[in-house]
Amino acid sequence: MEIRSAEKMLETIFSFKNAVLAR
């Protein structure tokens, strides 16, 4: 049940990290 929340959070962090790396 909380796995979905963790996965969504991980995806958000990954996207943020990717954006920072792209900079």
PDB file of N, CA and C in Angstrom:
ATOM      1  N   MET A   1       0.842  -1.200   0.000  1.00  0.00           N
ATOM      2  CA  MET A   1       0.000   0.000   0.000  1.00  0.00           C
ATOM      3  C   MET A   1       0.884   1.260   0.000  1.00  0.00           C
ATOM      4  N   GLU A   2       1.894   1.221   0.846  1.00  0.00           N
ATOM      5  CA  GLU A   2       2.786   2.402   0.879  1.00  0.00           C
ATOM      6  C   GLU A   2       3.848   2.303  -0.214  1.00  0.00           C
ATOM      7  N   ILE A   3       3.925   1.130  -0.813  1.00  0.00           N
ATOM      8  CA  ILE A   3       4.935   0.963  -1.870  1.00  0.00           C
ATOM      9  C   ILE A   3       4.630   1.931  -3.021  1.00  0.00           C
ATOM     10  N   ARG A   4       3.347   2.096  -3.314  1.00  0.00           N
ATOM     11  CA  ARG A   4       2.976   2.978  -4.427  1.00  0.00           C
ATOM     12  C   ARG A   4       3.446   4.391  -4.105  1.00  0.00           C
ATOM     13  N   SER A   5       3.246   4.825  -2.887  1.00  0.00           N
ATOM     14  CA  SER A   5       3.656   6.193  -2.507  1.00  0.00           C
ATOM     15  C   SER A   5       5.181   6.313  -2.632  1.00  0.00           C
ATOM     16  N   ALA A   6       5.875   5.315  -2.168  1.00  0.00           N
ATOM     17  CA  ALA A   6       7.350   5.349  -2.227  1.00  0.00           C
ATOM     18  C   ALA A   6       7.799   5.372  -3.687  1.00  0.00           C
ATOM     19  N   GLU A   7       7.130   4.584  -4.508  1.00  0.00           N
ATOM     20  CA  GLU A   7       7.534   4.559  -5.928  1.00  0.00           C
ATOM     21  C   GLU A   7       7.295   5.917  -6.573  1.00  0.00           C
ATOM     22  N   LYS A   8       6.162   6.523  -6.240  1.00  0.00           N
ATOM     23  CA  LYS A   8       5.851   7.845  -6.841  1.00  0.00           C
ATOM     24  C   LYS A   8       6.890   8.870  -6.354  1.00  0.00           C
ATOM     25  N   MET A   9       7.244   8.794  -5.067  1.00  0.00           N
ATOM     26  CA  MET A   9       8.219   9.732  -4.516  1.00  0.00           C
ATOM     27  C   MET A   9       9.577   9.504  -5.194  1.00  0.00           C
ATOM     28  N   LEU A  10       9.912   8.233  -5.376  1.00  0.00           N
ATOM     29  CA  LEU A  10      11.201   7.921  -6.006  1.00  0.00           C
ATOM     30  C   LEU A  10      11.224   8.483  -7.429  1.00  0.00           C
ATOM     31  N   GLU A  11      10.120   8.327  -8.132  1.00  0.00           N
ATOM     32  CA  GLU A  11      10.070   8.846  -9.515  1.00  0.00           C
ATOM     33  C   GLU A  11      10.228  10.368  -9.505  1.00  0.00           C
ATOM     34  N   THR A  12       9.587  11.015  -8.532  1.00  0.00           N
ATOM     35  CA  THR A  12       9.692  12.481  -8.469  1.00  0.00           C
ATOM     36  C   THR A  12      11.126  12.894  -8.182  1.00  0.00           C
ATOM     37  N   ILE A  13      11.749  12.205  -7.233  1.00  0.00           N
ATOM     38  CA  ILE A  13      13.147  12.537  -6.902  1.00  0.00           C
ATOM     39  C   ILE A  13      14.040  12.280  -8.108  1.00  0.00           C
ATOM     40  N   PHE A  14      13.773  11.158  -8.800  1.00  0.00           N
ATOM     41  CA  PHE A  14      14.591  10.821  -9.968  1.00  0.00           C
ATOM     42  C   PHE A  14      14.459  11.919 -11.029  1.00  0.00           C
ATOM     43  N   SER A  15      13.225  12.365 -11.237  1.00  0.00           N
ATOM     44  CA  SER A  15      12.991  13.417 -12.233  1.00  0.00           C
ATOM     45  C   SER A  15      13.724  14.700 -11.815  1.00  0.00           C
ATOM     46  N   PHE A  16      13.650  15.029 -10.547  1.00  0.00           N
ATOM     47  CA  PHE A  16      14.311  16.243 -10.054  1.00  0.00           C
ATOM     48  C   PHE A  16      15.826  16.112 -10.238  1.00  0.00           C
ATOM     49  N   LYS A  17      16.367  14.936  -9.890  1.00  0.00           N
ATOM     50  CA  LYS A  17      17.817  14.717 -10.038  1.00  0.00           C
ATOM     51  C   LYS A  17      18.201  14.823 -11.512  1.00  0.00           C
ATOM     52  N   ASN A  18      17.366  14.268 -12.369  1.00  0.00           N
ATOM     53  CA  ASN A  18      17.661  14.312 -13.808  1.00  0.00           C
ATOM     54  C   ASN A  18      17.683  15.766 -14.282  1.00  0.00           C
ATOM     55  N   ALA A  19      16.741  16.553 -13.798  1.00  0.00           N
ATOM     56  CA  ALA A  19      16.679  17.966 -14.203  1.00  0.00           C
ATOM     57  C   ALA A  19      17.936  18.691 -13.715  1.00  0.00           C
ATOM     58  N   VAL A  20      18.348  18.395 -12.499  1.00  0.00           N
ATOM     59  CA  VAL A  20      19.553  19.058 -11.955  1.00  0.00           C
ATOM     60  C   VAL A  20      20.776  18.628 -12.755  1.00  0.00           C
ATOM     61  N   LEU A  21      20.824  17.340 -13.113  1.00  0.00           N
ATOM     62  CA  LEU A  21      21.975  16.845 -13.881  1.00  0.00           C
ATOM     63  C   LEU A  21      21.966  17.460 -15.279  1.00  0.00           C
ATOM     64  N   ALA A  22      20.774  17.628 -15.847  1.00  0.00           N
ATOM     65  CA  ALA A  22      20.661  18.201 -17.190  1.00  0.00           C
ATOM     66  C   ALA A  22      21.181  19.641 -17.179  1.00  0.00           C
ATOM     67  N   ARG A  23      21.057  20.302 -16.023  1.00  0.00           N
ATOM     68  CA  ARG A  23      21.520  21.684 -15.933  1.00  0.00           C
ATOM     69  C   ARG A  23      23.027  21.630 -16.045  1.00  0.00           C
TER      70      ARG A  23
END
